[in-house]
N, C-alpha and C. Protein backbone atom coordinates (compact mmCIF):
# COMPACT_ATOMS: atom_id res chain seq x y z
N UNK A 1 57.17 11.46 -45.34
CA UNK A 1 57.93 10.27 -45.10
C UNK A 1 57.00 9.12 -44.73
N UNK A 2 57.27 7.94 -45.22
CA UNK A 2 56.41 6.79 -44.91
C UNK A 2 56.70 6.27 -43.51
N UNK A 3 55.66 5.76 -42.87
CA UNK A 3 55.80 5.20 -41.58
C UNK A 3 56.66 3.94 -41.59
N UNK A 4 57.57 3.82 -40.57
CA UNK A 4 58.43 2.63 -40.48
C UNK A 4 57.61 1.45 -40.02
N UNK A 5 58.26 0.27 -40.13
CA UNK A 5 57.58 -0.95 -39.70
C UNK A 5 57.21 -0.90 -38.23
N UNK A 6 58.20 -0.50 -37.45
CA UNK A 6 58.01 -0.41 -36.02
C UNK A 6 56.87 0.59 -35.64
N UNK A 7 56.85 1.74 -36.25
CA UNK A 7 55.80 2.72 -35.98
C UNK A 7 54.44 2.15 -36.38
N UNK A 8 54.40 1.49 -37.57
CA UNK A 8 53.15 0.91 -38.12
C UNK A 8 52.61 -0.14 -37.12
N UNK A 9 53.48 -1.02 -36.60
CA UNK A 9 53.06 -2.05 -35.69
C UNK A 9 52.62 -1.46 -34.35
N UNK A 10 53.37 -0.41 -33.86
CA UNK A 10 53.00 0.22 -32.59
C UNK A 10 51.58 0.85 -32.74
N UNK A 11 51.37 1.57 -33.81
CA UNK A 11 50.07 2.19 -34.09
C UNK A 11 48.93 1.14 -34.07
N UNK A 12 49.20 0.03 -34.78
CA UNK A 12 48.18 -1.03 -34.78
C UNK A 12 47.91 -1.65 -33.36
N UNK A 13 49.01 -1.81 -32.62
CA UNK A 13 48.86 -2.31 -31.27
C UNK A 13 48.06 -1.34 -30.40
N UNK A 14 48.37 -0.05 -30.54
CA UNK A 14 47.62 0.94 -29.75
C UNK A 14 46.18 1.05 -30.14
N UNK A 15 45.88 0.86 -31.45
CA UNK A 15 44.46 0.87 -31.90
C UNK A 15 43.72 -0.30 -31.34
N UNK A 16 44.41 -1.44 -31.15
CA UNK A 16 43.83 -2.62 -30.55
C UNK A 16 43.76 -2.54 -29.04
N UNK A 17 44.28 -1.42 -28.50
CA UNK A 17 44.37 -1.19 -27.05
C UNK A 17 45.04 -2.31 -26.32
N UNK A 18 46.22 -2.70 -26.91
CA UNK A 18 47.04 -3.76 -26.28
C UNK A 18 48.34 -3.12 -25.76
N UNK A 19 48.85 -3.71 -24.69
CA UNK A 19 50.13 -3.24 -24.14
C UNK A 19 51.23 -4.06 -24.78
N UNK A 20 52.48 -3.56 -24.61
CA UNK A 20 53.64 -4.31 -25.08
C UNK A 20 53.69 -5.67 -24.40
N UNK A 21 53.34 -5.72 -23.15
CA UNK A 21 53.37 -6.96 -22.39
C UNK A 21 52.34 -7.98 -22.98
N UNK A 22 51.12 -7.47 -23.39
CA UNK A 22 50.16 -8.36 -23.94
C UNK A 22 50.59 -8.93 -25.25
N UNK A 23 51.21 -8.12 -26.09
CA UNK A 23 51.78 -8.57 -27.39
C UNK A 23 52.86 -9.62 -27.13
N UNK A 24 53.72 -9.35 -26.14
CA UNK A 24 54.78 -10.26 -25.82
C UNK A 24 54.19 -11.62 -25.34
N UNK A 25 53.21 -11.57 -24.51
CA UNK A 25 52.60 -12.80 -23.95
C UNK A 25 51.92 -13.61 -25.08
N UNK A 26 51.20 -12.92 -25.97
CA UNK A 26 50.41 -13.64 -27.01
C UNK A 26 51.33 -14.12 -28.15
N UNK A 27 52.49 -13.50 -28.36
CA UNK A 27 53.36 -13.95 -29.42
C UNK A 27 54.49 -14.79 -28.92
N UNK A 28 54.72 -14.76 -27.62
CA UNK A 28 55.86 -15.47 -27.00
C UNK A 28 57.19 -14.89 -27.41
N UNK A 29 57.19 -13.66 -27.80
CA UNK A 29 58.36 -12.92 -28.14
C UNK A 29 58.75 -12.11 -26.93
N UNK A 30 60.00 -12.16 -26.52
CA UNK A 30 60.43 -11.41 -25.34
C UNK A 30 60.01 -9.91 -25.38
N UNK A 31 59.62 -9.33 -24.28
CA UNK A 31 59.19 -7.95 -24.21
C UNK A 31 60.28 -7.02 -24.79
N UNK A 32 61.53 -7.29 -24.45
CA UNK A 32 62.57 -6.43 -24.96
C UNK A 32 62.68 -6.49 -26.53
N UNK A 33 62.37 -7.64 -27.09
CA UNK A 33 62.35 -7.76 -28.51
C UNK A 33 61.21 -6.98 -29.17
N UNK A 34 60.05 -7.06 -28.52
CA UNK A 34 58.87 -6.31 -28.99
C UNK A 34 59.21 -4.80 -29.03
N UNK A 35 59.88 -4.31 -27.91
CA UNK A 35 60.26 -2.94 -27.84
C UNK A 35 61.25 -2.56 -28.91
N UNK A 36 62.17 -3.45 -29.19
CA UNK A 36 63.19 -3.19 -30.26
C UNK A 36 62.49 -3.13 -31.62
N UNK A 37 61.55 -4.03 -31.85
CA UNK A 37 60.82 -3.99 -33.13
C UNK A 37 60.12 -2.66 -33.27
N UNK A 38 59.41 -2.21 -32.24
CA UNK A 38 58.70 -0.92 -32.33
C UNK A 38 59.64 0.27 -32.50
N UNK A 39 60.88 0.13 -32.04
CA UNK A 39 61.89 1.20 -32.17
C UNK A 39 62.75 1.05 -33.46
N UNK A 40 62.38 0.02 -34.27
CA UNK A 40 63.09 -0.28 -35.54
C UNK A 40 64.59 -0.52 -35.26
N UNK A 41 64.90 -1.17 -34.16
CA UNK A 41 66.27 -1.56 -33.87
C UNK A 41 66.45 -3.05 -34.19
N UNK A 42 66.27 -3.42 -35.43
CA UNK A 42 66.30 -4.80 -35.85
C UNK A 42 67.71 -5.43 -35.74
N UNK A 43 68.72 -4.62 -35.83
CA UNK A 43 70.08 -5.15 -35.71
C UNK A 43 70.40 -5.62 -34.32
N UNK A 44 69.60 -5.27 -33.32
CA UNK A 44 69.82 -5.67 -31.97
C UNK A 44 69.06 -6.98 -31.69
N UNK A 45 68.38 -7.53 -32.64
CA UNK A 45 67.61 -8.80 -32.45
C UNK A 45 68.52 -9.95 -32.93
N UNK A 46 68.16 -11.17 -32.51
CA UNK A 46 69.08 -12.30 -32.69
C UNK A 46 69.51 -12.55 -34.12
N UNK A 47 68.66 -12.46 -35.09
CA UNK A 47 69.09 -12.75 -36.50
C UNK A 47 67.92 -12.55 -37.43
N UNK A 48 68.22 -12.57 -38.74
CA UNK A 48 67.19 -12.30 -39.74
C UNK A 48 66.02 -13.27 -39.67
N UNK A 49 66.29 -14.54 -39.47
CA UNK A 49 65.22 -15.50 -39.38
C UNK A 49 64.31 -15.24 -38.21
N UNK A 50 64.94 -14.90 -37.07
CA UNK A 50 64.12 -14.56 -35.86
C UNK A 50 63.32 -13.29 -36.10
N UNK A 51 63.94 -12.28 -36.69
CA UNK A 51 63.24 -11.03 -36.92
C UNK A 51 62.01 -11.26 -37.76
N UNK A 52 62.15 -12.03 -38.78
CA UNK A 52 60.96 -12.33 -39.64
C UNK A 52 59.91 -13.09 -38.90
N UNK A 53 60.30 -14.03 -38.11
CA UNK A 53 59.36 -14.77 -37.24
C UNK A 53 58.64 -13.93 -36.27
N UNK A 54 59.42 -13.04 -35.58
CA UNK A 54 58.86 -12.11 -34.64
C UNK A 54 57.80 -11.17 -35.30
N UNK A 55 58.17 -10.68 -36.48
CA UNK A 55 57.29 -9.79 -37.20
C UNK A 55 55.95 -10.52 -37.61
N UNK A 56 56.11 -11.76 -38.07
CA UNK A 56 54.88 -12.49 -38.39
C UNK A 56 53.97 -12.66 -37.20
N UNK A 57 54.58 -13.10 -36.04
CA UNK A 57 53.81 -13.28 -34.82
C UNK A 57 53.12 -11.95 -34.39
N UNK A 58 53.93 -10.93 -34.43
CA UNK A 58 53.44 -9.61 -34.01
C UNK A 58 52.26 -9.22 -34.89
N UNK A 59 52.44 -9.37 -36.25
CA UNK A 59 51.34 -9.02 -37.18
C UNK A 59 50.01 -9.79 -36.86
N UNK A 60 50.16 -11.07 -36.66
CA UNK A 60 48.98 -11.88 -36.28
C UNK A 60 48.31 -11.40 -35.01
N UNK A 61 49.16 -11.06 -33.99
CA UNK A 61 48.63 -10.63 -32.72
C UNK A 61 47.82 -9.34 -32.82
N UNK A 62 48.18 -8.45 -33.77
CA UNK A 62 47.45 -7.23 -33.93
C UNK A 62 46.59 -7.22 -35.15
N UNK A 63 46.18 -8.39 -35.64
CA UNK A 63 45.23 -8.61 -36.72
C UNK A 63 45.66 -7.94 -38.05
N UNK A 64 46.90 -8.18 -38.39
CA UNK A 64 47.46 -7.73 -39.66
C UNK A 64 47.86 -8.90 -40.50
N UNK A 65 47.97 -8.73 -41.84
CA UNK A 65 48.44 -9.78 -42.69
C UNK A 65 50.01 -9.81 -42.56
N UNK A 66 50.54 -10.97 -42.18
CA UNK A 66 51.96 -11.05 -41.98
C UNK A 66 52.75 -10.71 -43.26
N UNK A 67 52.25 -11.04 -44.46
CA UNK A 67 52.91 -10.72 -45.70
C UNK A 67 53.08 -9.21 -45.87
N UNK A 68 52.09 -8.49 -45.48
CA UNK A 68 52.13 -7.02 -45.63
C UNK A 68 53.24 -6.48 -44.74
N UNK A 69 53.32 -6.96 -43.53
CA UNK A 69 54.34 -6.47 -42.53
C UNK A 69 55.71 -6.87 -43.05
N UNK A 70 55.87 -8.13 -43.48
CA UNK A 70 57.17 -8.57 -44.02
C UNK A 70 57.58 -7.77 -45.21
N UNK A 71 56.63 -7.44 -46.07
CA UNK A 71 56.93 -6.62 -47.25
C UNK A 71 57.46 -5.23 -46.86
N UNK A 72 56.77 -4.64 -45.88
CA UNK A 72 57.25 -3.34 -45.37
C UNK A 72 58.70 -3.45 -44.80
N UNK A 73 58.90 -4.50 -44.05
CA UNK A 73 60.20 -4.69 -43.45
C UNK A 73 61.26 -4.85 -44.51
N UNK A 74 61.04 -5.70 -45.49
CA UNK A 74 61.98 -5.92 -46.58
C UNK A 74 62.27 -4.68 -47.34
N UNK A 75 61.26 -3.90 -47.61
CA UNK A 75 61.41 -2.68 -48.32
C UNK A 75 62.25 -1.65 -47.50
N UNK A 76 62.01 -1.62 -46.20
CA UNK A 76 62.74 -0.71 -45.34
C UNK A 76 64.24 -1.07 -45.17
N UNK A 77 64.48 -2.38 -45.22
CA UNK A 77 65.87 -2.84 -45.06
C UNK A 77 66.71 -2.72 -46.33
N UNK A 78 66.01 -2.88 -47.47
CA UNK A 78 66.69 -2.83 -48.79
C UNK A 78 67.91 -3.69 -48.91
N UNK A 79 67.80 -4.92 -48.28
CA UNK A 79 68.91 -5.91 -48.41
C UNK A 79 68.28 -7.21 -48.85
N UNK A 80 69.08 -7.94 -49.55
CA UNK A 80 68.60 -9.26 -49.98
C UNK A 80 68.56 -10.21 -48.79
N UNK A 81 67.57 -11.04 -48.73
CA UNK A 81 67.47 -11.97 -47.62
C UNK A 81 68.08 -13.31 -48.06
N UNK A 82 69.28 -13.56 -47.61
CA UNK A 82 69.97 -14.79 -48.01
C UNK A 82 70.37 -15.55 -46.72
N UNK A 83 70.47 -16.78 -46.83
CA UNK A 83 70.95 -17.62 -45.72
C UNK A 83 72.50 -17.73 -45.83
N UNK A 84 73.18 -17.22 -44.85
CA UNK A 84 74.66 -17.29 -44.97
C UNK A 84 75.17 -18.73 -44.84
N UNK A 85 76.18 -19.05 -45.56
CA UNK A 85 76.84 -20.33 -45.48
C UNK A 85 77.80 -20.37 -44.34
N UNK A 86 77.89 -21.51 -43.64
CA UNK A 86 78.84 -21.53 -42.54
C UNK A 86 80.28 -21.42 -43.06
N UNK A 87 81.09 -20.66 -42.36
CA UNK A 87 82.49 -20.42 -42.81
C UNK A 87 83.35 -21.40 -41.94
N UNK A 88 84.11 -22.23 -42.66
CA UNK A 88 85.00 -23.10 -41.96
C UNK A 88 86.36 -22.56 -42.07
N UNK A 89 87.15 -22.78 -41.00
CA UNK A 89 88.49 -22.26 -41.02
C UNK A 89 89.37 -23.18 -41.85
N UNK A 90 90.03 -22.68 -42.95
CA UNK A 90 90.79 -23.51 -43.81
C UNK A 90 92.06 -24.07 -43.22
N UNK A 91 92.60 -23.48 -42.13
CA UNK A 91 93.87 -23.88 -41.59
C UNK A 91 93.79 -25.26 -40.93
N UNK A 92 92.75 -25.59 -40.21
CA UNK A 92 92.67 -26.87 -39.52
C UNK A 92 92.60 -28.05 -40.55
N UNK A 93 91.67 -28.05 -41.51
CA UNK A 93 91.68 -29.17 -42.43
C UNK A 93 92.98 -29.32 -43.21
N UNK A 94 93.55 -28.18 -43.57
CA UNK A 94 94.83 -28.27 -44.33
C UNK A 94 95.90 -28.95 -43.51
N UNK A 95 96.03 -28.58 -42.19
CA UNK A 95 97.01 -29.21 -41.34
C UNK A 95 96.74 -30.69 -41.19
N UNK A 96 95.47 -31.06 -40.99
CA UNK A 96 95.15 -32.44 -40.89
C UNK A 96 95.45 -33.24 -42.12
N UNK A 97 95.22 -32.65 -43.27
CA UNK A 97 95.52 -33.30 -44.53
C UNK A 97 97.00 -33.51 -44.69
N UNK A 98 97.77 -32.42 -44.38
CA UNK A 98 99.23 -32.52 -44.50
C UNK A 98 99.80 -33.57 -43.56
N UNK A 99 99.27 -33.63 -42.38
CA UNK A 99 99.74 -34.64 -41.40
C UNK A 99 99.42 -36.05 -41.88
N UNK A 100 98.22 -36.24 -42.49
CA UNK A 100 97.87 -37.53 -43.01
C UNK A 100 98.75 -37.94 -44.21
N UNK A 101 99.04 -37.01 -45.04
CA UNK A 101 99.90 -37.22 -46.24
C UNK A 101 101.30 -37.61 -45.71
N UNK A 102 101.80 -36.97 -44.70
CA UNK A 102 103.15 -37.22 -44.16
C UNK A 102 103.17 -38.63 -43.58
N UNK A 103 102.16 -39.04 -42.84
CA UNK A 103 102.12 -40.37 -42.28
C UNK A 103 102.09 -41.42 -43.43
N UNK A 104 101.22 -41.20 -44.38
CA UNK A 104 101.16 -42.14 -45.52
C UNK A 104 102.50 -42.23 -46.25
N UNK A 105 103.18 -41.11 -46.42
CA UNK A 105 104.47 -41.12 -47.08
C UNK A 105 105.51 -41.94 -46.26
N UNK A 106 105.52 -41.77 -44.94
CA UNK A 106 106.46 -42.48 -44.08
C UNK A 106 106.14 -44.02 -44.15
N UNK A 107 104.89 -44.38 -44.07
CA UNK A 107 104.51 -45.80 -44.17
C UNK A 107 104.91 -46.39 -45.51
N UNK A 108 104.68 -45.67 -46.61
CA UNK A 108 105.10 -46.19 -47.91
C UNK A 108 106.58 -46.35 -48.02
N UNK A 109 107.33 -45.40 -47.43
CA UNK A 109 108.81 -45.49 -47.39
C UNK A 109 109.27 -46.74 -46.68
N UNK A 110 108.62 -47.01 -45.51
CA UNK A 110 108.98 -48.20 -44.72
C UNK A 110 108.66 -49.46 -45.52
N UNK A 111 107.49 -49.49 -46.16
CA UNK A 111 107.12 -50.71 -46.92
C UNK A 111 108.05 -50.87 -48.10
N UNK A 112 108.39 -49.76 -48.77
CA UNK A 112 109.34 -49.85 -49.90
C UNK A 112 110.69 -50.45 -49.45
N UNK A 113 111.19 -49.91 -48.32
CA UNK A 113 112.51 -50.34 -47.79
C UNK A 113 112.44 -51.83 -47.48
N UNK A 114 111.33 -52.27 -46.81
CA UNK A 114 111.21 -53.69 -46.43
C UNK A 114 111.17 -54.57 -47.67
N UNK A 115 110.40 -54.14 -48.68
CA UNK A 115 110.29 -54.90 -49.87
C UNK A 115 111.64 -54.97 -50.60
N UNK A 116 112.40 -53.90 -50.65
CA UNK A 116 113.65 -53.93 -51.26
C UNK A 116 114.69 -54.75 -50.55
N UNK A 117 114.64 -54.77 -49.21
CA UNK A 117 115.55 -55.62 -48.45
C UNK A 117 115.23 -57.10 -48.65
N UNK A 118 113.96 -57.44 -48.82
CA UNK A 118 113.62 -58.81 -49.09
C UNK A 118 114.12 -59.26 -50.49
N UNK A 119 113.94 -58.37 -51.47
CA UNK A 119 114.30 -58.71 -52.83
C UNK A 119 115.82 -58.82 -52.97
N UNK A 120 116.57 -57.96 -52.35
CA UNK A 120 118.01 -57.88 -52.51
C UNK A 120 118.79 -58.74 -51.53
N UNK A 121 118.11 -59.45 -50.56
CA UNK A 121 118.83 -60.23 -49.56
C UNK A 121 119.39 -61.53 -50.19
N UNK A 122 120.67 -61.77 -50.06
CA UNK A 122 121.23 -62.99 -50.65
C UNK A 122 120.76 -64.23 -49.89
N UNK A 123 120.35 -65.31 -50.64
CA UNK A 123 119.86 -66.50 -50.05
C UNK A 123 120.75 -67.67 -50.47
N UNK A 124 121.11 -68.47 -49.58
CA UNK A 124 121.96 -69.62 -49.91
C UNK A 124 121.26 -70.66 -50.63
N UNK A 125 119.92 -70.86 -50.38
CA UNK A 125 119.15 -71.92 -51.02
C UNK A 125 118.86 -71.59 -52.47
N UNK A 126 118.93 -70.33 -52.82
CA UNK A 126 118.57 -69.99 -54.18
C UNK A 126 119.82 -69.97 -55.12
N UNK A 127 120.95 -70.25 -54.63
CA UNK A 127 122.17 -70.25 -55.48
C UNK A 127 122.17 -71.44 -56.41
N UNK A 128 122.70 -71.19 -57.58
CA UNK A 128 122.89 -72.38 -58.53
C UNK A 128 123.80 -73.42 -57.84
N UNK A 129 123.57 -74.65 -58.23
CA UNK A 129 124.31 -75.73 -57.61
C UNK A 129 125.85 -75.61 -57.75
N UNK A 130 126.27 -75.09 -58.93
CA UNK A 130 127.72 -74.94 -59.14
C UNK A 130 128.31 -73.98 -58.10
N UNK A 131 127.66 -72.89 -57.84
CA UNK A 131 128.15 -71.94 -56.89
C UNK A 131 128.05 -72.45 -55.47
N UNK A 132 126.98 -73.17 -55.20
CA UNK A 132 126.83 -73.67 -53.86
C UNK A 132 127.85 -74.75 -53.57
N UNK A 133 128.29 -75.56 -54.59
CA UNK A 133 129.35 -76.56 -54.36
C UNK A 133 130.68 -75.86 -54.11
N UNK A 134 130.89 -74.78 -54.85
CA UNK A 134 132.14 -74.05 -54.67
C UNK A 134 132.19 -73.45 -53.27
N UNK A 135 131.09 -73.06 -52.77
CA UNK A 135 131.03 -72.50 -51.39
C UNK A 135 131.31 -73.62 -50.35
N UNK A 136 130.74 -74.83 -50.62
CA UNK A 136 130.96 -75.97 -49.76
C UNK A 136 132.40 -76.33 -49.71
N UNK A 137 133.10 -76.36 -50.87
CA UNK A 137 134.50 -76.69 -50.93
C UNK A 137 135.36 -75.68 -50.21
N UNK A 138 135.04 -74.38 -50.35
CA UNK A 138 135.80 -73.33 -49.69
C UNK A 138 135.66 -73.45 -48.17
N UNK A 139 134.42 -73.73 -47.72
CA UNK A 139 134.23 -73.77 -46.27
C UNK A 139 134.86 -75.05 -45.69
N UNK A 140 135.00 -76.13 -46.44
CA UNK A 140 135.59 -77.33 -45.89
C UNK A 140 137.11 -77.20 -45.85
N UNK A 141 137.69 -76.41 -46.79
CA UNK A 141 139.16 -76.23 -46.82
C UNK A 141 139.56 -75.29 -45.64
N UNK A 142 138.75 -74.46 -45.23
CA UNK A 142 139.14 -73.51 -44.21
C UNK A 142 139.16 -74.05 -42.87
């Protein structure tokens, strides 16, 4: 069976006669993360981008080529390295859109009603003269 990434790095560290603390100090990777790397507990580390960064730093600290260590890691994980897209919750934007559409509809209804009332409102000044005289005669007789 082939040596895991963590075992490989630990062996290199021990050959360099470095402690976990020294690797942690030189890489600025927390000691607990260095221990997790050596134990191949990558799922307990913050995320894929951090894991790869930690592995590169660790490789440089123990005089290894970072690409070789990353290739071993990728081979051991057998997963594609992709950047996940942020997931937005569809319920909030849908509610906001529905609310905006409802407000726009109410405003349009109010404007339509106002325009209709202006158009259909009877005006005395706009009456033909014949009708306006008839109105004047009726109001004077009363």
